[in-house]
Amino acid sequence: MRRPSGFSSRTPGDDRGASLIEIAFLTLTAAAIIGAIATSPIPSQFNNGIREAVCRVEGPECGGETWVEHERPEEPEEYVFPVGAGVWNGEVTGEGDARVAIEFALQQLGKPYVWGGNGPHGWDCSGVLKAAWQKAGVSIPRTTTTMEAALPSISREELQPGDLVFFHTISSHPAPSHVGMYLGGGKMVHAGDPVNVAQIEGNPYWESVWWGQARVPQK
């Protein structure tokens, strides 16, 4: 039987040609959208948002290039202590993770104080202690205030090597503003300028700014 004039040879529902055209169109559209996003500031804004959130948690020692500049705390005009360094006889005390942390901190003696310093050539007070405990396989917060808030508080009578001791040395900054690691014998190792061992117990200056003490839970 002859087909009526104008009758298509394509069977009903056979729209493969149209589907291929639609797929090609959608592919080109998607490629255009992706290209537009890639060349727009959206990716960098997204990444900056992540860095900003991280650095708000980490604090002023976040690492310079990732800190949100309008939120960066100003460096104190003078960050020195009116007392000299104590004497360290080379004996390392402490046990387990605390001993590892103390050994690392003492290896940094003589290195300069750097505001926000994460080492290895310069440190700030919380940076050297975080690195020391990281060396021992124990993670603690990065800043002085977050260390003091997160770690279990202890009394001065309970102090033992490896404990952290806090001081409020900068009145214009939130307390506490300085931290060191207790060595025993009334001494601490801390990032003064340079990193040094200081006699804190019985010292009028350190006694006047003493804020508290805390213990780092060991593995």
Protein backbone atom coordinates (compact mmCIF):
# COMPACT_ATOMS: atom_id res chain seq x y z
CA MET A 1 0.00 0.00 0.00
CA ARG A 2 1.34 3.41 -0.86
CA ARG A 3 1.82 5.87 1.97
CA PRO A 4 -0.12 9.11 1.71
CA SER A 5 1.85 12.02 0.41
CA GLY A 6 3.83 13.84 3.13
CA PHE A 7 3.83 10.85 5.46
CA SER A 8 7.11 10.61 7.42
CA SER A 9 9.07 7.36 7.50
CA ARG A 10 9.92 7.98 11.18
CA THR A 11 7.83 5.87 13.51
CA PRO A 12 5.66 7.55 16.12
CA GLY A 13 7.73 8.53 19.20
CA ASP A 14 11.06 8.35 17.31
CA ASP A 15 12.60 11.65 18.52
CA ARG A 16 16.26 10.61 18.64
CA GLY A 17 17.27 13.51 16.44
CA ALA A 18 15.58 16.00 18.69
CA SER A 19 17.13 14.40 21.79
CA LEU A 20 20.64 14.72 20.37
CA ILE A 21 20.01 18.38 19.63
CA GLU A 22 18.72 18.95 23.16
CA ILE A 23 21.73 17.17 24.70
CA ALA A 24 24.13 19.22 22.62
CA PHE A 25 22.33 22.42 23.62
CA LEU A 26 22.39 21.53 27.33
CA THR A 27 26.07 20.58 27.12
CA LEU A 28 26.99 23.90 25.53
CA THR A 29 24.89 25.77 28.07
CA ALA A 30 26.53 23.96 31.00
CA ALA A 31 29.99 24.62 29.58
CA ALA A 32 29.17 28.31 29.25
CA ILE A 33 27.92 28.50 32.85
CA ILE A 34 30.99 26.69 34.21
CA GLY A 35 33.27 28.96 32.19
CA ALA A 36 31.51 32.03 33.50
CA ILE A 37 31.84 30.86 37.11
CA ALA A 38 35.51 29.96 36.64
CA THR A 39 36.30 33.45 35.37
CA SER A 40 34.18 35.18 37.99
CA PRO A 41 35.29 36.14 41.54
CA ILE A 42 32.96 33.52 43.05
CA PRO A 43 35.62 30.78 43.58
CA SER A 44 38.07 33.16 45.25
CA GLN A 45 35.28 34.64 47.35
CA PHE A 46 34.30 31.13 48.44
CA ASN A 47 37.89 30.24 49.32
CA ASN A 48 38.39 33.53 51.11
CA GLY A 49 35.25 32.84 53.11
CA ILE A 50 36.65 29.49 54.22
CA ARG A 51 40.01 31.03 55.15
CA GLU A 52 38.26 33.81 57.03
CA ALA A 53 36.22 31.32 59.07
CA VAL A 54 39.31 29.26 59.89
CA CYS A 55 41.34 32.27 60.95
CA ARG A 56 38.59 33.63 63.12
CA VAL A 57 38.89 30.40 65.07
CA GLU A 58 42.69 30.19 65.01
CA GLY A 59 43.26 33.75 66.11
CA PRO A 60 45.95 36.33 65.35
CA GLU A 61 48.63 33.71 64.81
CA CYS A 62 46.75 32.19 61.88
CA GLY A 63 49.57 32.70 59.43
CA GLY A 64 49.57 36.20 58.04
CA GLU A 65 48.41 35.70 54.48
CA THR A 66 45.11 34.09 55.49
CA TRP A 67 44.07 36.48 58.27
CA VAL A 68 41.32 38.95 57.46
CA GLU A 69 43.19 42.24 57.57
CA HIS A 70 40.39 44.34 59.05
CA GLU A 71 40.16 41.88 61.94
CA ARG A 72 43.87 41.43 62.55
CA PRO A 73 44.75 42.55 66.10
CA GLU A 74 47.39 45.21 66.21
CA GLU A 75 50.81 44.15 67.36
CA PRO A 76 51.66 45.74 70.71
CA GLU A 77 54.06 48.63 70.39
CA GLU A 78 56.31 46.96 72.89
CA TYR A 79 56.31 43.25 73.65
CA VAL A 80 59.12 42.81 76.12
CA PHE A 81 59.38 41.64 79.71
CA PRO A 82 61.15 43.72 82.33
CA VAL A 83 63.01 40.70 83.69
CA GLY A 84 65.98 38.76 82.44
CA ALA A 85 66.15 35.12 81.47
CA GLY A 86 66.65 32.49 84.16
CA VAL A 87 69.33 29.82 84.26
CA TRP A 88 68.70 26.42 82.74
CA ASN A 89 71.08 23.65 83.73
CA GLY A 90 70.29 21.43 80.76
CA GLU A 91 68.32 18.82 82.71
CA VAL A 92 65.05 17.78 81.08
CA THR A 93 62.32 16.68 83.45
CA GLY A 94 58.82 15.41 82.75
CA GLU A 95 57.47 12.10 81.60
CA GLY A 96 55.84 10.71 78.47
CA ASP A 97 54.37 13.26 76.06
CA ALA A 98 55.27 16.11 78.40
CA ARG A 99 58.96 15.24 78.19
CA VAL A 100 58.82 15.23 74.37
CA ALA A 101 57.09 18.63 74.39
CA ILE A 102 59.62 20.08 76.84
CA GLU A 103 62.56 18.81 74.81
CA PHE A 104 61.17 20.45 71.68
CA ALA A 105 60.53 23.76 73.44
CA LEU A 106 64.04 23.82 74.92
CA GLN A 107 65.52 23.18 71.48
CA GLN A 108 64.05 26.56 70.45
CA LEU A 109 66.06 28.54 73.04
CA GLY A 110 67.61 31.65 71.56
CA LYS A 111 65.21 31.96 68.62
CA PRO A 112 63.58 35.39 68.27
CA TYR A 113 60.08 36.35 69.24
CA VAL A 114 57.91 36.95 66.16
CA TRP A 115 54.33 38.22 66.44
CA GLY A 116 52.24 35.35 65.07
CA GLY A 117 55.37 33.26 64.55
CA ASN A 118 54.88 29.57 63.76
CA GLY A 119 58.59 28.73 63.51
CA PRO A 120 60.95 27.32 62.73
CA HIS A 121 63.06 30.50 62.81
CA GLY A 122 60.86 32.57 65.09
CA TRP A 123 57.97 31.98 67.49
CA ASP A 124 55.28 33.67 69.46
CA CYS A 125 54.35 32.37 72.90
CA SER A 126 51.46 30.11 71.94
CA GLY A 127 53.00 29.06 68.63
CA VAL A 128 56.04 27.41 70.18
CA LEU A 129 53.92 25.53 72.72
CA LYS A 130 51.44 24.28 70.15
CA ALA A 131 54.36 23.04 68.05
CA ALA A 132 55.96 21.44 71.10
CA TRP A 133 52.87 19.47 71.96
CA GLN A 134 52.27 18.67 68.31
CA LYS A 135 55.73 17.10 68.31
CA ALA A 136 54.49 14.88 71.12
CA GLY A 137 51.44 13.92 69.08
CA VAL A 138 48.99 16.00 71.11
CA SER A 139 46.89 18.72 69.50
CA ILE A 140 46.08 21.84 71.52
CA PRO A 141 44.50 25.16 70.45
CA ARG A 142 46.69 27.73 68.71
CA THR A 143 46.20 30.90 70.76
CA THR A 144 46.80 31.77 74.40
CA THR A 145 43.18 32.57 75.18
CA THR A 146 41.82 29.44 73.49
CA MET A 147 44.40 27.27 75.26
CA GLU A 148 43.37 28.68 78.62
CA ALA A 149 39.68 28.20 77.81
CA ALA A 150 39.98 24.65 76.46
CA LEU A 151 42.48 22.94 78.76
CA PRO A 152 41.67 21.66 82.27
CA SER A 153 42.60 24.20 84.92
CA ILE A 154 44.80 23.11 87.84
CA SER A 155 46.05 24.79 91.00
CA ARG A 156 49.56 26.14 91.37
CA GLU A 157 50.26 23.41 93.90
CA GLU A 158 49.54 20.81 91.22
CA LEU A 159 52.01 22.20 88.68
CA GLN A 160 54.28 19.65 87.08
CA PRO A 161 56.63 19.72 84.08
CA GLY A 162 54.74 20.23 80.83
CA ASP A 163 51.84 22.18 82.33
CA LEU A 164 51.00 25.54 80.81
CA VAL A 165 51.21 28.74 82.84
CA PHE A 166 49.28 31.85 81.79
CA PHE A 167 50.00 35.52 82.39
CA HIS A 168 48.29 38.80 81.58
CA THR A 169 51.15 40.94 80.35
CA ILE A 170 49.36 43.26 77.87
CA SER A 171 46.54 45.23 79.45
CA SER A 172 45.12 46.25 76.07
CA HIS A 173 44.61 42.62 75.01
CA PRO A 174 42.14 40.00 76.25
CA ALA A 175 43.42 38.02 79.22
CA PRO A 176 45.51 35.98 79.35
CA SER A 177 47.98 37.43 76.87
CA HIS A 178 51.05 35.24 77.45
CA VAL A 179 51.76 31.56 78.06
CA GLY A 180 54.75 29.44 78.92
CA MET A 181 55.51 25.79 79.70
CA TYR A 182 56.37 24.84 83.26
CA LEU A 183 59.70 23.07 83.67
CA GLY A 184 59.70 22.47 87.40
CA GLY A 185 61.70 24.29 90.04
CA GLY A 186 59.60 27.42 89.59
CA LYS A 187 60.80 27.94 85.99
CA MET A 188 59.16 28.04 82.59
CA VAL A 189 60.31 28.02 78.98
CA HIS A 190 58.54 30.66 76.91
CA ALA A 191 58.81 32.80 73.81
CA GLY A 192 60.08 36.00 75.33
CA ASP A 193 62.54 37.67 73.05
CA PRO A 194 64.30 35.41 72.47
CA VAL A 195 62.84 32.06 73.57
CA ASN A 196 64.29 31.53 77.04
CA VAL A 197 63.89 29.98 80.46
CA ALA A 198 62.49 32.30 83.13
CA GLN A 199 62.18 32.01 86.89
CA ILE A 200 58.53 32.71 87.58
CA GLU A 201 57.87 31.55 91.14
CA GLY A 202 59.06 34.15 93.58
CA ASN A 203 59.73 36.67 90.81
CA PRO A 204 57.85 39.92 91.59
CA TYR A 205 57.06 40.66 87.95
CA TRP A 206 55.75 37.24 86.98
CA GLU A 207 53.89 36.89 90.26
CA SER A 208 52.13 40.21 89.59
CA VAL A 209 50.86 39.15 86.15
CA TRP A 210 50.22 35.45 86.88
CA TRP A 211 46.81 34.45 85.54
CA GLY A 212 46.46 30.68 85.90
CA GLN A 213 47.67 27.27 84.87
CA ALA A 214 46.36 24.26 82.95
CA ARG A 215 47.29 20.70 82.10
CA VAL A 216 47.52 19.24 78.62
CA PRO A 217 45.80 15.81 78.51
CA GLN A 218 48.30 13.25 77.28
CA LYS A 219 47.65 10.32 74.94
